[in-house]
Amino acid sequence: MIKNIVFDCSDTLLRFSAQDELAKVTGDNARAAEIKGKIHQSRSWNLYDKGIISEAELRQGILPLFDEADRPYAAWYLDNWLKCYSPIPGMFEIVAELREKGWPLYIVSDFPLCFDQLRARFPDLFQNFTGLAVSHECQETKGDKGLFAYFLQKFSIDPTECIFIDDMPRLVENARSMGFRGIVLENAKALRDQLEKLNIL
């Protein structure tokens, strides 16, 4: 029986448009995608997400990965990525309706220490949530499943009583492997349809 609704944050609750914004700076979407990928796939970003290294240490680890032509763009990305979040149409309304119906709502997110800055930008969204489990709190991520284990322990929750919603299929599969039910987010309308079929909305 589902008792808790658990959301990812980036590209699930909020759209993350850093690649699009970087493409405006570089004038080349493929180049922007390559730079973003190199940053987020790096060991330094993984450590930053886990709260193990500081923003200054992140820069020290990331910028030497790029040649002189791309280094200014990588620096721009590091300076601006946190500003590149915006509401996903329809998602705030779904969250508010779930809250009105009395569902306990949680966020499980891979995010560094600056997560509080993101929360401060969108108080109308985050005020609806019962609790948060963020990778920097436990030095574990959804990718290695440790963040899911931390969430379950932090809130003393049975995974079989949770439905987890994320835009990344592999992370939904990780949650399912631990006993969660899972929904891969396509868009707000599709999510609403799925939640209505489950009699959650």
Protein backbone atom coordinates (compact mmCIF):
# COMPACT_ATOMS: atom_id res chain seq x y z
CA MET A 1 0.00 0.00 0.00
CA ILE A 2 1.41 3.37 -1.02
CA LYS A 3 1.70 5.81 1.88
CA ASN A 4 4.48 8.18 0.72
CA ILE A 5 5.26 10.02 -2.52
CA VAL A 6 8.96 10.59 -3.19
CA PHE A 7 10.29 12.93 -5.86
CA ASP A 8 13.63 13.61 -7.45
CA CYS A 9 14.32 17.33 -7.91
CA SER A 10 16.31 18.21 -11.06
CA ASP A 11 14.24 17.78 -14.25
CA THR A 12 11.47 16.24 -12.16
CA LEU A 13 10.23 19.08 -9.97
CA LEU A 14 12.37 21.82 -11.53
CA ARG A 15 13.72 22.08 -15.06
CA PHE A 16 17.52 22.25 -15.21
CA SER A 17 18.44 24.30 -18.30
CA ALA A 18 22.18 24.82 -17.76
CA GLN A 19 23.08 23.20 -21.08
CA ASP A 20 20.68 25.47 -22.97
CA GLU A 21 22.05 28.54 -21.23
CA LEU A 22 25.64 27.48 -21.90
CA ALA A 23 24.77 26.92 -25.57
CA LYS A 24 23.75 30.59 -25.77
CA VAL A 25 27.21 31.50 -24.50
CA THR A 26 29.17 29.12 -26.74
CA GLY A 27 26.89 29.45 -29.75
CA ASP A 28 27.11 25.67 -30.17
CA ASN A 29 24.73 23.23 -28.49
CA ALA A 30 26.94 20.20 -29.14
CA ARG A 31 29.88 21.95 -27.54
CA ALA A 32 27.74 22.94 -24.57
CA ALA A 33 26.55 19.34 -24.17
CA GLU A 34 30.13 18.08 -24.24
CA ILE A 35 31.25 20.57 -21.60
CA LYS A 36 28.30 19.83 -19.34
CA GLY A 37 28.83 16.08 -19.71
CA LYS A 38 32.53 16.33 -18.92
CA ILE A 39 31.79 18.31 -15.78
CA HIS A 40 28.99 16.12 -14.43
CA GLN A 41 30.77 12.86 -15.24
CA SER A 42 33.95 13.94 -13.49
CA ARG A 43 35.19 12.57 -10.19
CA SER A 44 35.25 16.10 -8.80
CA TRP A 45 31.55 16.65 -9.49
CA ASN A 46 30.70 13.31 -7.87
CA LEU A 47 32.60 14.36 -4.74
CA TYR A 48 30.94 17.78 -4.82
CA ASP A 49 27.48 16.21 -5.12
CA LYS A 50 28.29 14.09 -2.07
CA GLY A 51 29.35 17.12 -0.03
CA ILE A 52 32.91 15.84 0.26
CA ILE A 53 34.65 18.77 -1.45
CA SER A 54 33.94 22.51 -1.48
CA GLU A 55 33.03 24.69 -4.44
CA ALA A 56 36.60 26.01 -4.52
CA GLU A 57 37.96 22.46 -4.62
CA LEU A 58 35.47 21.62 -7.37
CA ARG A 59 36.87 24.41 -9.53
CA GLN A 60 40.41 23.23 -8.87
CA GLY A 61 39.45 19.76 -10.03
CA ILE A 62 37.29 20.73 -13.01
CA LEU A 63 39.01 23.57 -14.84
CA PRO A 64 42.28 21.68 -15.58
CA LEU A 65 40.18 19.09 -17.45
CA PHE A 66 39.56 21.64 -20.22
CA ASP A 67 41.84 23.16 -22.83
CA GLU A 68 42.30 26.92 -23.08
CA ALA A 69 39.47 27.30 -25.59
CA ASP A 70 36.84 25.61 -23.42
CA ARG A 71 38.09 26.55 -19.96
CA PRO A 72 36.24 29.91 -19.88
CA TYR A 73 33.01 28.12 -20.77
CA ALA A 74 33.58 25.54 -18.04
CA ALA A 75 34.17 28.38 -15.60
CA TRP A 76 30.95 30.06 -16.77
CA TYR A 77 29.09 26.81 -16.14
CA LEU A 78 30.45 26.48 -12.63
CA ASP A 79 29.50 30.10 -11.91
CA ASN A 80 25.97 29.86 -13.28
CA TRP A 81 24.56 26.31 -13.15
CA LEU A 82 22.64 26.88 -9.93
CA LYS A 83 20.77 29.79 -11.50
CA CYS A 84 19.46 27.57 -14.31
CA TYR A 85 16.41 26.12 -12.59
CA SER A 86 12.81 26.99 -13.41
CA PRO A 87 9.35 25.52 -12.74
CA ILE A 88 8.20 22.63 -14.90
CA PRO A 89 4.67 23.44 -16.12
CA GLY A 90 2.10 21.53 -14.14
CA MET A 91 4.42 20.04 -11.53
CA PHE A 92 3.89 22.64 -8.80
CA GLU A 93 0.14 22.11 -9.15
CA ILE A 94 0.48 18.34 -8.79
CA VAL A 95 2.61 18.73 -5.67
CA ALA A 96 0.13 21.18 -4.13
CA GLU A 97 -2.81 18.85 -4.86
CA LEU A 98 -1.00 15.88 -3.34
CA ARG A 99 -0.27 17.91 -0.24
CA GLU A 100 -3.91 19.04 0.00
CA LYS A 101 -4.97 15.40 -0.11
CA GLY A 102 -2.73 14.69 2.86
CA TRP A 103 0.02 12.68 1.18
CA PRO A 104 3.41 12.80 2.92
CA LEU A 105 5.80 14.15 0.27
CA TYR A 106 9.56 13.69 0.21
CA ILE A 107 12.50 14.68 -1.99
CA VAL A 108 15.48 12.38 -2.60
CA SER A 109 18.05 14.32 -4.62
CA ASP A 110 21.69 14.19 -5.64
CA PHE A 111 22.71 17.75 -4.81
CA PRO A 112 25.66 19.52 -3.18
CA LEU A 113 25.63 21.81 -0.14
CA CYS A 114 24.06 24.67 -2.11
CA PHE A 115 20.69 22.89 -2.09
CA ASP A 116 19.45 25.37 0.50
CA GLN A 117 19.99 28.17 -2.02
CA LEU A 118 17.74 26.35 -4.47
CA ARG A 119 15.08 25.85 -1.80
CA ALA A 120 15.15 29.55 -1.01
CA ARG A 121 14.33 30.40 -4.64
CA PHE A 122 11.20 28.25 -4.75
CA PRO A 123 9.56 28.42 -1.30
CA ASP A 124 6.06 27.78 -2.71
CA LEU A 125 7.25 24.40 -3.96
CA PHE A 126 9.44 23.20 -1.12
CA GLN A 127 7.04 24.15 1.67
CA ASN A 128 4.85 21.24 0.57
CA PHE A 129 7.41 18.60 1.50
CA THR A 130 7.49 16.61 4.71
CA GLY A 131 11.19 15.83 4.45
CA LEU A 132 14.30 15.85 2.30
CA ALA A 133 17.20 13.45 1.80
CA VAL A 134 20.04 15.06 -0.17
CA SER A 135 23.31 13.43 -1.20
CA HIS A 136 25.53 15.97 0.55
CA GLU A 137 24.00 14.91 3.89
CA CYS A 138 25.25 11.34 3.69
CA GLN A 139 28.01 11.29 1.04
CA GLU A 140 25.94 8.82 -1.00
CA THR A 141 23.98 9.15 -4.25
CA LYS A 142 20.99 7.55 -5.95
CA GLY A 143 23.37 6.08 -8.51
CA ASP A 144 25.06 3.90 -5.90
CA LYS A 145 21.72 3.41 -4.06
CA GLY A 146 23.20 4.69 -0.81
CA LEU A 147 21.01 7.79 -0.84
CA PHE A 148 17.88 5.63 -0.99
CA ALA A 149 19.08 3.65 2.02
CA TYR A 150 19.81 6.90 3.87
CA PHE A 151 16.33 8.23 3.11
CA LEU A 152 14.63 5.07 4.39
CA GLN A 153 16.69 5.13 7.58
CA LYS A 154 16.34 8.88 8.16
CA PHE A 155 12.55 8.77 8.10
CA SER A 156 12.01 5.15 9.24
CA ILE A 157 10.05 4.37 6.09
CA ASP A 158 9.25 1.04 4.44
CA PRO A 159 10.24 1.22 0.73
CA THR A 160 7.23 -0.88 -0.27
CA GLU A 161 5.04 1.97 1.00
CA CYS A 162 6.73 4.52 -1.30
CA ILE A 163 6.38 5.51 -4.92
CA PHE A 164 9.48 7.19 -6.37
CA ILE A 165 9.26 9.62 -9.30
CA ASP A 166 12.34 10.56 -11.35
CA ASP A 167 13.09 11.51 -14.95
CA MET A 168 16.03 9.07 -15.11
CA PRO A 169 14.97 5.46 -15.83
CA ARG A 170 18.13 3.95 -14.33
CA LEU A 171 17.52 5.74 -11.03
CA VAL A 172 13.92 4.60 -10.95
CA GLU A 173 15.23 1.06 -11.49
CA ASN A 174 17.66 1.52 -8.59
CA ALA A 175 14.73 2.52 -6.38
CA ARG A 176 12.65 -0.43 -7.57
CA SER A 177 15.50 -2.80 -6.76
CA MET A 178 15.22 -1.61 -3.15
CA GLY A 179 11.47 -2.18 -2.95
CA PHE A 180 10.02 1.15 -4.06
CA ARG A 181 7.34 1.41 -6.70
CA GLY A 182 8.58 3.70 -9.46
CA ILE A 183 7.39 6.11 -12.11
CA VAL A 184 9.65 7.48 -14.85
CA LEU A 185 8.58 11.08 -15.36
CA GLU A 186 7.78 12.07 -18.95
CA ASN A 187 5.79 15.24 -18.29
CA ALA A 188 3.28 16.60 -15.79
CA LYS A 189 0.22 15.43 -17.74
CA ALA A 190 1.49 11.86 -18.01
CA LEU A 191 2.34 11.86 -14.31
CA ARG A 192 -1.12 13.15 -13.41
CA ASP A 193 -2.69 10.37 -15.50
CA GLN A 194 -0.57 7.72 -13.76
CA LEU A 195 -1.32 9.05 -10.27
CA GLU A 196 -5.04 9.18 -11.05
CA LYS A 197 -4.99 5.55 -12.20
CA LEU A 198 -3.38 4.65 -8.87
CA ASN A 199 -6.07 6.66 -7.02
CA ILE A 200 -3.37 8.88 -5.58
CA LEU A 201 -4.75 12.02 -7.23
